[in-house]
Amino acid sequence: MKAFKILFILLILCDISYADTSLSQRKDVQEFIQHMHKSHQFNQENLNQLFNNVTIQPSIIKAISRPAEGKPWYKYQQIFASSKRTQQGADFWVAHQEALMRAQEQYGVPAQVIIAVMGVETFYGQHQGGFKVIDALSTLAFDYPPRSKFFRKELEEYLLMTRENHLDPTRLHGSYAGAMGQAQFMPSSYRHYAVDFSGKHKIDLENNTDDAIGSIANYLAKNGWQRNQPTAVRASVNGDKFHKIHRADKKHRKPSITVAEMQQQGILAETILDPQLPALFITLNNADKDEYWLGFNNFYVITRYNPSINYAMMVYTLSEDIRQKYEVDQKA
């Protein structure tokens, strides 16, 4: 609560300090413009005009201060787990089977995982965000002190991305954090992982679903996805030794304790696994009781897309629901 009050005061001071100053005239914005000019040869006058038309959005700061991923698992799960989302995921598989199978073969990422990422991010491309990306990134880069360094870098990447792809930086829309398209790529991810999977000699993550499919698969593969390896399994606990094992959180996301070592501490996987397989111990808050899982390398890779344990578990469980529904529909 104390940290939130400090943040609130900082944000108020920012608003007062810059209340009567156009964005391009602010010292911090001018420093950024100078950096873009010296480092990347951007025209200063063009950037001045661009930032004069940027609108700082207080609603963006409010949204990023209360992310859905911060909710307990049982509340977070309610946002995404539904028969409608599962059915539309299975239908998406049928509609885009060729691209999904090609991505699965090329990158080693299962079709259901690619679909689930898109299902959680944008409901299969239907909800890509209503904020101007330039407004979102500028708001967070210049008026959100806790992560201003990160978002200034993303703003830099965004301007480079739009220049490289001959896009109007004022046109693109996305999430409150500046994530874009059906895959919700941040600008840095767009520049490093987006691919022309449709073969049209142009990357379009907003309108071209094949490009989005290939780009998600490429992102996961480049971040270490292991073909034909497990992602997560349910677990049970015996005794109280398991309390000594580090739980998966923002500081302990990478698998580092073997399945055999887990077992010695009373953590038992519900599936037969290689005893030497590195795992991480996951505890989910399920309201009336805790739910236990073991996550593996591929689970960790999903957290590279979004660092939230809730997010990665939602992608995995939705992917399994979609796979099962798809298989049932194909037999019908």
C-alpha atoms as a PDB file:
ATOM      1  CA  MET A   1       0.000   0.000   0.000  1.00  0.00           C
ATOM      2  CA  LYS A   2       2.883   2.369   0.836  1.00  0.00           C
ATOM      3  CA  ALA A   3       4.482   1.731  -2.566  1.00  0.00           C
ATOM      4  CA  PHE A   4       1.166   2.449  -4.306  1.00  0.00           C
ATOM      5  CA  LYS A   5       0.848   5.792  -2.453  1.00  0.00           C
ATOM      6  CA  ILE A   6       4.375   6.784  -3.501  1.00  0.00           C
ATOM      7  CA  LEU A   7       3.596   5.878  -7.122  1.00  0.00           C
ATOM      8  CA  PHE A   8       0.336   7.855  -6.963  1.00  0.00           C
ATOM      9  CA  ILE A   9       2.168  10.943  -5.661  1.00  0.00           C
ATOM     10  CA  LEU A  10       4.822  10.635  -8.380  1.00  0.00           C
ATOM     11  CA  LEU A  11       2.165  10.428 -11.067  1.00  0.00           C
ATOM     12  CA  ILE A  12       0.352  13.490  -9.691  1.00  0.00           C
ATOM     13  CA  LEU A  13       3.615  15.449  -9.636  1.00  0.00           C
ATOM     14  CA  CYS A  14       4.258  14.463 -13.247  1.00  0.00           C
ATOM     15  CA  ASP A  15       0.799  15.683 -14.235  1.00  0.00           C
ATOM     16  CA  ILE A  16       1.275  19.015 -12.443  1.00  0.00           C
ATOM     17  CA  SER A  17       4.789  19.539 -13.801  1.00  0.00           C
ATOM     18  CA  TYR A  18       3.774  18.985 -17.411  1.00  0.00           C
ATOM     19  CA  ALA A  19       0.191  20.218 -17.325  1.00  0.00           C
ATOM     20  CA  ASP A  20       0.838  23.262 -19.512  1.00  0.00           C
ATOM     21  CA  THR A  21       3.592  21.803 -21.667  1.00  0.00           C
ATOM     22  CA  SER A  22       3.038  20.186 -25.055  1.00  0.00           C
ATOM     23  CA  LEU A  23       4.602  16.740 -25.142  1.00  0.00           C
ATOM     24  CA  SER A  24       7.313  17.577 -27.663  1.00  0.00           C
ATOM     25  CA  GLN A  25       8.492  20.522 -25.529  1.00  0.00           C
ATOM     26  CA  ARG A  26       9.131  18.439 -22.447  1.00  0.00           C
ATOM     27  CA  LYS A  27      12.780  17.982 -21.556  1.00  0.00           C
ATOM     28  CA  ASP A  28      12.548  14.194 -21.295  1.00  0.00           C
ATOM     29  CA  VAL A  29      10.821  13.961 -24.673  1.00  0.00           C
ATOM     30  CA  GLN A  30      13.363  16.251 -26.285  1.00  0.00           C
ATOM     31  CA  GLU A  31      16.152  14.068 -24.906  1.00  0.00           C
ATOM     32  CA  PHE A  32      14.466  11.063 -26.478  1.00  0.00           C
ATOM     33  CA  ILE A  33      14.104  12.882 -29.816  1.00  0.00           C
ATOM     34  CA  GLN A  34      17.786  13.818 -29.726  1.00  0.00           C
ATOM     35  CA  HIS A  35      18.668  10.178 -29.057  1.00  0.00           C
ATOM     36  CA  MET A  36      16.577   8.979 -32.012  1.00  0.00           C
ATOM     37  CA  HIS A  37      18.216  11.578 -34.247  1.00  0.00           C
ATOM     38  CA  LYS A  38      21.793  10.804 -33.214  1.00  0.00           C
ATOM     39  CA  SER A  39      21.460   7.018 -32.941  1.00  0.00           C
ATOM     40  CA  HIS A  40      19.087   6.296 -35.824  1.00  0.00           C
ATOM     41  CA  GLN A  41      19.108   9.426 -38.003  1.00  0.00           C
ATOM     42  CA  PHE A  42      15.435  10.274 -37.453  1.00  0.00           C
ATOM     43  CA  ASN A  43      14.347  13.728 -38.586  1.00  0.00           C
ATOM     44  CA  GLN A  44      13.909  15.887 -35.481  1.00  0.00           C
ATOM     45  CA  GLU A  45      11.164  18.050 -36.911  1.00  0.00           C
ATOM     46  CA  ASN A  46       9.152  14.997 -37.910  1.00  0.00           C
ATOM     47  CA  LEU A  47       9.466  13.597 -34.392  1.00  0.00           C
ATOM     48  CA  ASN A  48       8.438  16.953 -32.885  1.00  0.00           C
ATOM     49  CA  GLN A  49       5.311  16.900 -35.018  1.00  0.00           C
ATOM     50  CA  LEU A  50       4.646  13.276 -34.099  1.00  0.00           C
ATOM     51  CA  PHE A  51       4.838  13.873 -30.344  1.00  0.00           C
ATOM     52  CA  ASN A  52       2.762  17.054 -30.612  1.00  0.00           C
ATOM     53  CA  ASN A  53      -0.072  14.792 -31.719  1.00  0.00           C
ATOM     54  CA  VAL A  54       0.432  12.166 -29.011  1.00  0.00           C
ATOM     55  CA  THR A  55      -2.128  12.030 -26.207  1.00  0.00           C
ATOM     56  CA  ILE A  56      -1.054  10.951 -22.719  1.00  0.00           C
ATOM     57  CA  GLN A  57      -3.685   8.501 -21.453  1.00  0.00           C
ATOM     58  CA  PRO A  58      -4.197   8.290 -17.644  1.00  0.00           C
ATOM     59  CA  SER A  59      -6.375   5.202 -18.171  1.00  0.00           C
ATOM     60  CA  ILE A  60      -3.285   3.370 -19.451  1.00  0.00           C
ATOM     61  CA  ILE A  61      -1.411   3.980 -16.196  1.00  0.00           C
ATOM     62  CA  LYS A  62      -4.443   2.820 -14.243  1.00  0.00           C
ATOM     63  CA  ALA A  63      -4.673  -0.367 -16.314  1.00  0.00           C
ATOM     64  CA  ILE A  64      -0.994  -1.298 -16.064  1.00  0.00           C
ATOM     65  CA  SER A  65      -1.066  -0.722 -12.303  1.00  0.00           C
ATOM     66  CA  ARG A  66      -3.751  -3.416 -11.937  1.00  0.00           C
ATOM     67  CA  PRO A  67      -2.905  -6.232 -14.380  1.00  0.00           C
ATOM     68  CA  ALA A  68      -5.185  -9.251 -14.554  1.00  0.00           C
ATOM     69  CA  GLU A  69      -2.152 -11.505 -13.999  1.00  0.00           C
ATOM     70  CA  GLY A  70      -1.977 -10.199 -10.426  1.00  0.00           C
ATOM     71  CA  LYS A  71      -5.247 -11.908  -9.530  1.00  0.00           C
ATOM     72  CA  PRO A  72      -5.270 -15.271  -7.709  1.00  0.00           C
ATOM     73  CA  TRP A  73      -5.453 -18.245 -10.065  1.00  0.00           C
ATOM     74  CA  TYR A  74      -9.119 -19.051  -9.511  1.00  0.00           C
ATOM     75  CA  LYS A  75     -10.122 -15.484 -10.444  1.00  0.00           C
ATOM     76  CA  TYR A  76      -7.676 -15.181 -13.333  1.00  0.00           C
ATOM     77  CA  GLN A  77      -8.842 -18.516 -14.744  1.00  0.00           C
ATOM     78  CA  GLN A  78     -12.442 -17.294 -14.825  1.00  0.00           C
ATOM     79  CA  ILE A  79     -11.470 -14.587 -17.328  1.00  0.00           C
ATOM     80  CA  PHE A  80     -10.250 -17.046 -19.971  1.00  0.00           C
ATOM     81  CA  ALA A  81     -11.605 -20.529 -19.241  1.00  0.00           C
ATOM     82  CA  SER A  82     -14.900 -21.007 -21.062  1.00  0.00           C
ATOM     83  CA  SER A  83     -16.505 -23.486 -23.412  1.00  0.00           C
ATOM     84  CA  LYS A  84     -16.822 -20.670 -25.976  1.00  0.00           C
ATOM     85  CA  ARG A  85     -13.094 -19.945 -25.988  1.00  0.00           C
ATOM     86  CA  THR A  86     -12.327 -23.664 -26.223  1.00  0.00           C
ATOM     87  CA  GLN A  87     -14.790 -24.241 -29.063  1.00  0.00           C
ATOM     88  CA  GLN A  88     -13.567 -21.241 -31.017  1.00  0.00           C
ATOM     89  CA  GLY A  89     -10.027 -22.524 -30.546  1.00  0.00           C
ATOM     90  CA  ALA A  90     -10.998 -25.877 -32.054  1.00  0.00           C
ATOM     91  CA  ASP A  91     -12.790 -24.091 -34.896  1.00  0.00           C
ATOM     92  CA  PHE A  92      -9.704 -21.908 -35.449  1.00  0.00           C
ATOM     93  CA  TRP A  93      -7.653 -25.094 -35.799  1.00  0.00           C
ATOM     94  CA  VAL A  94      -9.934 -26.342 -38.568  1.00  0.00           C
ATOM     95  CA  ALA A  95      -9.963 -22.976 -40.353  1.00  0.00           C
ATOM     96  CA  HIS A  96      -6.167 -22.545 -40.283  1.00  0.00           C
ATOM     97  CA  GLN A  97      -5.011 -26.143 -40.289  1.00  0.00           C
ATOM     98  CA  GLU A  98      -2.479 -25.804 -43.111  1.00  0.00           C
ATOM     99  CA  ALA A  99      -0.591 -22.927 -41.514  1.00  0.00           C
ATOM    100  CA  LEU A 100      -0.729 -24.514 -38.060  1.00  0.00           C
ATOM    101  CA  MET A 101       0.624 -27.852 -39.263  1.00  0.00           C
ATOM    102  CA  ARG A 102       3.361 -26.093 -41.203  1.00  0.00           C
ATOM    103  CA  ALA A 103       4.336 -24.055 -38.141  1.00  0.00           C
ATOM    104  CA  GLN A 104       4.280 -27.144 -35.942  1.00  0.00           C
ATOM    105  CA  GLU A 105       6.571 -28.994 -38.327  1.00  0.00           C
ATOM    106  CA  GLN A 106       8.946 -26.082 -38.886  1.00  0.00           C
ATOM    107  CA  TYR A 107       9.255 -24.806 -35.313  1.00  0.00           C
ATOM    108  CA  GLY A 108       8.323 -27.841 -33.206  1.00  0.00           C
ATOM    109  CA  VAL A 109       5.599 -25.981 -31.302  1.00  0.00           C
ATOM    110  CA  PRO A 110       2.281 -27.886 -31.082  1.00  0.00           C
ATOM    111  CA  ALA A 111      -0.648 -26.348 -32.936  1.00  0.00           C
ATOM    112  CA  GLN A 112      -2.781 -26.223 -29.789  1.00  0.00           C
ATOM    113  CA  VAL A 113      -0.154 -24.125 -27.973  1.00  0.00           C
ATOM    114  CA  ILE A 114       0.027 -21.608 -30.827  1.00  0.00           C
ATOM    115  CA  ILE A 115      -3.765 -21.389 -30.834  1.00  0.00           C
ATOM    116  CA  ALA A 116      -3.961 -21.025 -27.048  1.00  0.00           C
ATOM    117  CA  VAL A 117      -1.492 -18.124 -27.035  1.00  0.00           C
ATOM    118  CA  MET A 118      -3.652 -16.321 -29.568  1.00  0.00           C
ATOM    119  CA  GLY A 119      -6.777 -17.329 -27.647  1.00  0.00           C
ATOM    120  CA  VAL A 120      -5.537 -15.764 -24.418  1.00  0.00           C
ATOM    121  CA  GLU A 121      -3.973 -12.734 -26.074  1.00  0.00           C
ATOM    122  CA  THR A 122      -6.716 -11.617 -28.476  1.00  0.00           C
ATOM    123  CA  PHE A 123      -9.527 -14.211 -28.523  1.00  0.00           C
ATOM    124  CA  TYR A 124      -8.143 -15.480 -31.849  1.00  0.00           C
ATOM    125  CA  GLY A 125      -7.569 -12.032 -33.290  1.00  0.00           C
ATOM    126  CA  GLN A 126     -10.961 -10.582 -32.367  1.00  0.00           C
ATOM    127  CA  HIS A 127      -9.746  -8.222 -29.614  1.00  0.00           C
ATOM    128  CA  GLN A 128      -6.432  -6.626 -30.549  1.00  0.00           C
ATOM    129  CA  GLY A 129      -6.711  -3.521 -28.359  1.00  0.00           C
ATOM    130  CA  GLY A 130      -8.176  -0.076 -28.785  1.00  0.00           C
ATOM    131  CA  PHE A 131      -5.308   2.203 -27.789  1.00  0.00           C
ATOM    132  CA  LYS A 132      -3.076   3.978 -30.262  1.00  0.00           C
ATOM    133  CA  VAL A 133       0.282   2.280 -29.831  1.00  0.00           C
ATOM    134  CA  ILE A 134       2.135   5.583 -29.985  1.00  0.00           C
ATOM    135  CA  ASP A 135      -0.073   6.952 -27.170  1.00  0.00           C
ATOM    136  CA  ALA A 136       0.353   3.835 -25.035  1.00  0.00           C
ATOM    137  CA  LEU A 137       4.116   3.642 -25.356  1.00  0.00           C
ATOM    138  CA  SER A 138       4.593   7.387 -24.893  1.00  0.00           C
ATOM    139  CA  THR A 139       2.375   7.451 -21.808  1.00  0.00           C
ATOM    140  CA  LEU A 140       4.355   4.646 -20.190  1.00  0.00           C
ATOM    141  CA  ALA A 141       7.726   5.884 -21.423  1.00  0.00           C
ATOM    142  CA  PHE A 142       7.345   9.391 -20.044  1.00  0.00           C
ATOM    143  CA  ASP A 143       4.647   9.296 -17.340  1.00  0.00           C
ATOM    144  CA  TYR A 144       5.114   5.897 -15.662  1.00  0.00           C
ATOM    145  CA  PRO A 145       8.342   6.090 -13.606  1.00  0.00           C
ATOM    146  CA  PRO A 146       8.398   2.453 -12.395  1.00  0.00           C
ATOM    147  CA  ARG A 147       8.979   1.118 -15.924  1.00  0.00           C
ATOM    148  CA  SER A 148       9.870   4.175 -17.972  1.00  0.00           C
ATOM    149  CA  LYS A 149      13.251   2.745 -19.018  1.00  0.00           C
ATOM    150  CA  PHE A 150      11.638  -0.386 -20.454  1.00  0.00           C
ATOM    151  CA  PHE A 151       8.938   1.506 -22.320  1.00  0.00           C
ATOM    152  CA  ARG A 152      11.301   4.131 -23.733  1.00  0.00           C
ATOM    153  CA  LYS A 153      13.229   1.249 -25.245  1.00  0.00           C
ATOM    154  CA  GLU A 154       9.983  -0.173 -26.652  1.00  0.00           C
ATOM    155  CA  LEU A 155       9.066   3.259 -28.013  1.00  0.00           C
ATOM    156  CA  GLU A 156      12.452   3.365 -29.734  1.00  0.00           C
ATOM    157  CA  GLU A 157      11.833  -0.118 -31.153  1.00  0.00           C
ATOM    158  CA  TYR A 158       8.368   0.951 -32.294  1.00  0.00           C
ATOM    159  CA  LEU A 159       9.650   3.912 -34.279  1.00  0.00           C
ATOM    160  CA  LEU A 160      12.308   1.718 -35.872  1.00  0.00           C
ATOM    161  CA  MET A 161       9.734  -0.976 -36.637  1.00  0.00           C
ATOM    162  CA  THR A 162       7.316   1.408 -38.324  1.00  0.00           C
ATOM    163  CA  ARG A 163      10.106   2.985 -40.369  1.00  0.00           C
ATOM    164  CA  GLU A 164      11.469  -0.402 -41.469  1.00  0.00           C
ATOM    165  CA  ASN A 165       8.020  -1.620 -42.495  1.00  0.00           C
ATOM    166  CA  HIS A 166       6.852   1.683 -44.033  1.00  0.00           C
ATOM    167  CA  LEU A 167       4.010   2.031 -41.511  1.00  0.00           C
ATOM    168  CA  ASP A 168       2.367   5.164 -40.146  1.00  0.00           C
ATOM    169  CA  PRO A 169       3.244   5.230 -36.397  1.00  0.00           C
ATOM    170  CA  THR A 170      -0.004   7.068 -35.615  1.00  0.00           C
ATOM    171  CA  ARG A 171      -2.237   4.406 -37.197  1.00  0.00           C
ATOM    172  CA  LEU A 172      -1.489   1.195 -35.303  1.00  0.00           C
ATOM    173  CA  HIS A 173      -3.651   0.192 -32.354  1.00  0.00           C
ATOM    174  CA  GLY A 174      -2.971  -2.293 -29.574  1.00  0.00           C
ATOM    175  CA  SER A 175      -3.137  -2.980 -25.861  1.00  0.00           C
ATOM    176  CA  TYR A 176      -2.602  -0.488 -23.043  1.00  0.00           C
ATOM    177  CA  ALA A 177       1.021  -1.698 -22.927  1.00  0.00           C
ATOM    178  CA  GLY A 178       1.613  -1.184 -26.642  1.00  0.00           C
ATOM    179  CA  ALA A 179       1.337  -4.842 -27.712  1.00  0.00           C
ATOM    180  CA  MET A 180       0.131  -5.241 -31.301  1.00  0.00           C
ATOM    181  CA  GLY A 181      -1.740  -7.541 -33.627  1.00  0.00           C
ATOM    182  CA  GLN A 182      -3.276 -10.981 -33.250  1.00  0.00           C
ATOM    183  CA  ALA A 183      -0.124 -12.180 -31.474  1.00  0.00           C
ATOM    184  CA  GLN A 184       0.147  -9.049 -29.262  1.00  0.00           C
ATOM    185  CA  PHE A 185       3.837  -8.544 -29.932  1.00  0.00           C
ATOM    186  CA  MET A 186       5.672  -5.700 -28.270  1.00  0.00           C
ATOM    187  CA  PRO A 187       7.718  -3.682 -30.801  1.00  0.00           C
ATOM    188  CA  SER A 188      10.998  -5.379 -29.849  1.00  0.00           C
ATOM    189  CA  SER A 189       9.395  -8.795 -30.324  1.00  0.00           C
ATOM    190  CA  TYR A 190       7.937  -7.675 -33.639  1.00  0.00           C
ATOM    191  CA  ARG A 191      11.377  -6.688 -34.907  1.00  0.00           C
ATOM    192  CA  HIS A 192      13.102  -9.857 -33.696  1.00  0.00           C
ATOM    193  CA  TYR A 193      10.499 -12.624 -34.040  1.00  0.00           C
ATOM    194  CA  ALA A 194       7.767 -11.625 -36.501  1.00  0.00           C
ATOM    195  CA  VAL A 195       7.947 -13.617 -39.752  1.00  0.00           C
ATOM    196  CA  ASP A 196       6.386 -13.488 -43.205  1.00  0.00           C
ATOM    197  CA  PHE A 197       4.761 -16.914 -42.810  1.00  0.00           C
ATOM    198  CA  SER A 198       2.209 -16.270 -45.549  1.00  0.00           C
ATOM    199  CA  GLY A 199       4.898 -15.671 -48.187  1.00  0.00           C
ATOM    200  CA  LYS A 200       3.423 -12.321 -49.220  1.00  0.00           C
ATOM    201  CA  HIS A 201       6.745 -10.489 -48.739  1.00  0.00           C
ATOM    202  CA  LYS A 202       5.199  -8.351 -46.020  1.00  0.00           C
ATOM    203  CA  ILE A 203       4.725  -9.014 -42.307  1.00  0.00           C
ATOM    204  CA  ASP A 204       1.209  -8.187 -41.115  1.00  0.00           C
ATOM    205  CA  LEU A 205       0.349  -9.384 -37.602  1.00  0.00           C
ATOM    206  CA  GLU A 206      -2.845  -7.358 -37.549  1.00  0.00           C
ATOM    207  CA  ASN A 207      -4.697  -8.819 -40.522  1.00  0.00           C
ATOM    208  CA  ASN A 208      -2.716 -11.858 -41.691  1.00  0.00           C
ATOM    209  CA  THR A 209      -3.440 -14.844 -39.442  1.00  0.00           C
ATOM    210  CA  ASP A 210      -0.761 -16.998 -41.091  1.00  0.00           C
ATOM    211  CA  ASP A 211       1.866 -14.413 -40.173  1.00  0.00           C
ATOM    212  CA  ALA A 212       0.576 -14.360 -36.587  1.00  0.00           C
ATOM    213  CA  ILE A 213       0.683 -18.168 -36.362  1.00  0.00           C
ATOM    214  CA  GLY A 214       4.221 -18.385 -37.705  1.00  0.00           C
ATOM    215  CA  SER A 215       5.420 -15.511 -35.549  1.00  0.00           C
ATOM    216  CA  ILE A 216       4.104 -17.028 -32.311  1.00  0.00           C
ATOM    217  CA  ALA A 217       5.741 -20.357 -33.166  1.00  0.00           C
ATOM    218  CA  ASN A 218       9.007 -18.631 -34.082  1.00  0.00           C
ATOM    219  CA  TYR A 219       8.981 -16.653 -30.829  1.00  0.00           C
ATOM    220  CA  LEU A 220       8.541 -19.773 -28.703  1.00  0.00           C
ATOM    221  CA  ALA A 221      11.094 -21.753 -30.702  1.00  0.00           C
ATOM    222  CA  LYS A 222      13.727 -18.995 -30.534  1.00  0.00           C
ATOM    223  CA  ASN A 223      13.188 -18.776 -26.774  1.00  0.00           C
ATOM    224  CA  GLY A 224      13.984 -22.456 -26.301  1.00  0.00           C
ATOM    225  CA  TRP A 225      10.863 -24.546 -26.962  1.00  0.00           C
ATOM    226  CA  GLN A 226      11.795 -28.236 -26.990  1.00  0.00           C
ATOM    227  CA  ARG A 227      10.010 -30.403 -29.534  1.00  0.00           C
ATOM    228  CA  ASN A 228       7.999 -33.330 -28.114  1.00  0.00           C
ATOM    229  CA  GLN A 229       8.837 -32.464 -24.503  1.00  0.00           C
ATOM    230  CA  PRO A 230       6.284 -31.997 -21.669  1.00  0.00           C
ATOM    231  CA  THR A 231       5.053 -28.595 -20.594  1.00  0.00           C
ATOM    232  CA  ALA A 232       3.396 -29.221 -17.230  1.00  0.00           C
ATOM    233  CA  VAL A 233       1.800 -32.039 -15.218  1.00  0.00           C
ATOM    234  CA  ARG A 234      -0.380 -32.120 -12.156  1.00  0.00           C
ATOM    235  CA  ALA A 235       1.282 -33.122  -8.897  1.00  0.00           C
ATOM    236  CA  SER A 236       0.356 -34.112  -5.372  1.00  0.00           C
ATOM    237  CA  VAL A 237       2.217 -33.642  -2.103  1.00  0.00           C
ATOM    238  CA  ASN A 238       2.925 -35.960   0.820  1.00  0.00           C
ATOM    239  CA  GLY A 239       4.143 -34.795   4.220  1.00  0.00           C
ATOM    240  CA  ASP A 240       5.496 -31.314   4.780  1.00  0.00           C
ATOM    241  CA  LYS A 241       8.979 -31.456   3.245  1.00  0.00           C
ATOM    242  CA  PHE A 242       7.626 -29.886   0.037  1.00  0.00           C
ATOM    243  CA  HIS A 243       7.503 -26.518   1.819  1.00  0.00           C
ATOM    244  CA  LYS A 244      11.299 -26.380   1.475  1.00  0.00           C
ATOM    245  CA  ILE A 245      11.109 -26.386  -2.328  1.00  0.00           C
ATOM    246  CA  HIS A 246      11.134 -22.987  -4.035  1.00  0.00           C
ATOM    247  CA  ARG A 247       7.749 -22.236  -5.570  1.00  0.00           C
ATOM    248  CA  ALA A 248       7.586 -20.824  -9.089  1.00  0.00           C
ATOM    249  CA  ASP A 249       7.357 -17.035  -8.913  1.00  0.00           C
ATOM    250  CA  LYS A 250       8.954 -14.056 -10.629  1.00  0.00           C
ATOM    251  CA  LYS A 251      12.318 -14.954  -9.115  1.00  0.00           C
ATOM    252  CA  HIS A 252      12.139 -18.710  -9.668  1.00  0.00           C
ATOM    253  CA  ARG A 253      10.638 -19.455 -13.060  1.00  0.00           C
ATOM    254  CA  LYS A 254      13.348 -21.579 -14.658  1.00  0.00           C
ATOM    255  CA  PRO A 255      13.239 -25.339 -13.947  1.00  0.00           C
ATOM    256  CA  SER A 256      16.195 -26.227 -11.739  1.00  0.00           C
ATOM    257  CA  ILE A 257      15.134 -29.106  -9.460  1.00  0.00           C
ATOM    258  CA  THR A 258      14.905 -32.626 -10.877  1.00  0.00           C
ATOM    259  CA  VAL A 259      11.784 -34.739 -10.725  1.00  0.00           C
ATOM    260  CA  ALA A 260      13.720 -37.191  -8.509  1.00  0.00           C
ATOM    261  CA  GLU A 261      14.633 -34.408  -6.070  1.00  0.00           C
ATOM    262  CA  MET A 262      11.014 -33.273  -6.032  1.00  0.00           C
ATOM    263  CA  GLN A 263       9.934 -36.798  -5.176  1.00  0.00           C
ATOM    264  CA  GLN A 264      12.391 -36.933  -2.261  1.00  0.00           C
ATOM    265  CA  GLN A 265      10.623 -33.886  -0.859  1.00  0.00           C
ATOM    266  CA  GLY A 266       7.184 -35.447  -1.219  1.00  0.00           C
ATOM    267  CA  ILE A 267       6.174 -33.835  -4.509  1.00  0.00           C
ATOM    268  CA  LEU A 268       4.806 -36.528  -6.810  1.00  0.00           C
ATOM    269  CA  ALA A 269       3.993 -36.071 -10.495  1.00  0.00           C
ATOM    270  CA  GLU A 270       0.773 -37.702 -11.687  1.00  0.00           C
ATOM    271  CA  THR A 271       2.585 -38.897 -14.849  1.00  0.00           C
ATOM    272  CA  ILE A 272       5.664 -41.082 -15.259  1.00  0.00           C
ATOM    273  CA  LEU A 273       8.599 -38.806 -16.092  1.00  0.00           C
ATOM    274  CA  ASP A 274      12.355 -38.941 -16.560  1.00  0.00           C
ATOM    275  CA  PRO A 275      13.689 -38.651 -12.961  1.00  0.00           C
ATOM    276  CA  GLN A 276      16.459 -36.297 -14.141  1.00  0.00           C
ATOM    277  CA  LEU A 277      14.090 -33.899 -15.894  1.00  0.00           C
ATOM    278  CA  PRO A 278      14.451 -30.376 -14.412  1.00  0.00           C
ATOM    279  CA  ALA A 279      11.170 -29.000 -13.104  1.00  0.00           C
ATOM    280  CA  LEU A 280       9.709 -26.106 -11.174  1.00  0.00           C
ATOM    281  CA  PHE A 281       7.156 -26.455  -8.417  1.00  0.00           C
ATOM    282  CA  ILE A 282       3.941 -24.515  -9.045  1.00  0.00           C
ATOM    283  CA  THR A 283       1.274 -23.761  -6.459  1.00  0.00           C
ATOM    284  CA  LEU A 284      -1.995 -22.269  -7.692  1.00  0.00           C
ATOM    285  CA  ASN A 285      -4.484 -20.578  -5.409  1.00  0.00           C
ATOM    286  CA  ASN A 286      -7.769 -22.352  -6.105  1.00  0.00           C
ATOM    287  CA  ALA A 287      -9.832 -20.503  -3.475  1.00  0.00           C
ATOM    288  CA  ASP A 288     -10.625 -23.341  -1.061  1.00  0.00           C
ATOM    289  CA  LYS A 289      -7.427 -25.350  -1.630  1.00  0.00           C
ATOM    290  CA  ASP A 290      -4.060 -25.183  -3.357  1.00  0.00           C
ATOM    291  CA  GLU A 291      -3.461 -26.891  -6.682  1.00  0.00           C
ATOM    292  CA  TYR A 292      -0.009 -28.322  -7.391  1.00  0.00           C
ATOM    293  CA  TRP A 293       1.814 -28.709 -10.693  1.00  0.00           C
ATOM    294  CA  LEU A 294       5.267 -29.360 -12.047  1.00  0.00           C
ATOM    295  CA  GLY A 295       6.357 -27.128 -14.907  1.00  0.00           C
ATOM    296  CA  PHE A 296       9.187 -27.901 -17.310  1.00  0.00           C
ATOM    297  CA  ASN A 297      11.321 -26.063 -19.856  1.00  0.00           C
ATOM    298  CA  ASN A 298       8.411 -25.459 -22.239  1.00  0.00           C
ATOM    299  CA  PHE A 299       6.371 -23.949 -19.411  1.00  0.00           C
ATOM    300  CA  TYR A 300       9.264 -21.596 -18.719  1.00  0.00           C
ATOM    301  CA  VAL A 301       9.366 -20.682 -22.423  1.00  0.00           C
ATOM    302  CA  ILE A 302       5.710 -19.587 -22.242  1.00  0.00           C
ATOM    303  CA  THR A 303       6.659 -17.243 -19.386  1.00  0.00           C
ATOM    304  CA  ARG A 304       9.084 -15.572 -21.796  1.00  0.00           C
ATOM    305  CA  TYR A 305       5.982 -14.444 -23.711  1.00  0.00           C
ATOM    306  CA  ASN A 306       4.467 -13.156 -20.474  1.00  0.00           C
ATOM    307  CA  PRO A 307       6.284 -13.578 -17.125  1.00  0.00           C
ATOM    308  CA  SER A 308       3.129 -14.446 -15.185  1.00  0.00           C
ATOM    309  CA  ILE A 309       2.807 -18.011 -13.883  1.00  0.00           C
ATOM    310  CA  ASN A 310      -0.973 -17.601 -14.178  1.00  0.00           C
ATOM    311  CA  TYR A 311      -0.586 -16.648 -17.833  1.00  0.00           C
ATOM    312  CA  ALA A 312       1.615 -19.625 -18.684  1.00  0.00           C
ATOM    313  CA  MET A 313      -0.717 -22.029 -16.889  1.00  0.00           C
ATOM    314  CA  MET A 314      -3.738 -20.556 -18.676  1.00  0.00           C
ATOM    315  CA  VAL A 315      -2.056 -21.029 -22.052  1.00  0.00           C
ATOM    316  CA  TYR A 316      -1.194 -24.618 -21.191  1.00  0.00           C
ATOM    317  CA  THR A 317      -4.599 -25.626 -19.793  1.00  0.00           C
ATOM    318  CA  LEU A 318      -6.446 -23.897 -22.634  1.00  0.00           C
ATOM    319  CA  SER A 319      -4.196 -25.652 -25.156  1.00  0.00           C
ATOM    320  CA  GLU A 320      -5.129 -29.017 -23.679  1.00  0.00           C
ATOM    321  CA  ASP A 321      -8.845 -28.150 -23.684  1.00  0.00           C
ATOM    322  CA  ILE A 322      -8.586 -27.087 -27.332  1.00  0.00           C
ATOM    323  CA  ARG A 323      -6.713 -30.257 -28.307  1.00  0.00           C
ATOM    324  CA  GLN A 324      -9.312 -32.474 -26.661  1.00  0.00           C
ATOM    325  CA  LYS A 325     -12.234 -30.573 -28.228  1.00  0.00           C
ATOM    326  CA  TYR A 326     -10.593 -30.646 -31.663  1.00  0.00           C
ATOM    327  CA  GLU A 327     -10.064 -34.399 -31.439  1.00  0.00           C
ATOM    328  CA  VAL A 328     -13.680 -34.974 -30.381  1.00  0.00           C
ATOM    329  CA  ASP A 329     -14.974 -32.773 -33.209  1.00  0.00           C
ATOM    330  CA  GLN A 330     -12.849 -34.616 -35.755  1.00  0.00           C
ATOM    331  CA  LYS A 331     -14.315 -37.949 -34.682  1.00  0.00           C
ATOM    332  CA  ALA A 332     -17.907 -36.683 -34.837  1.00  0.00           C
END
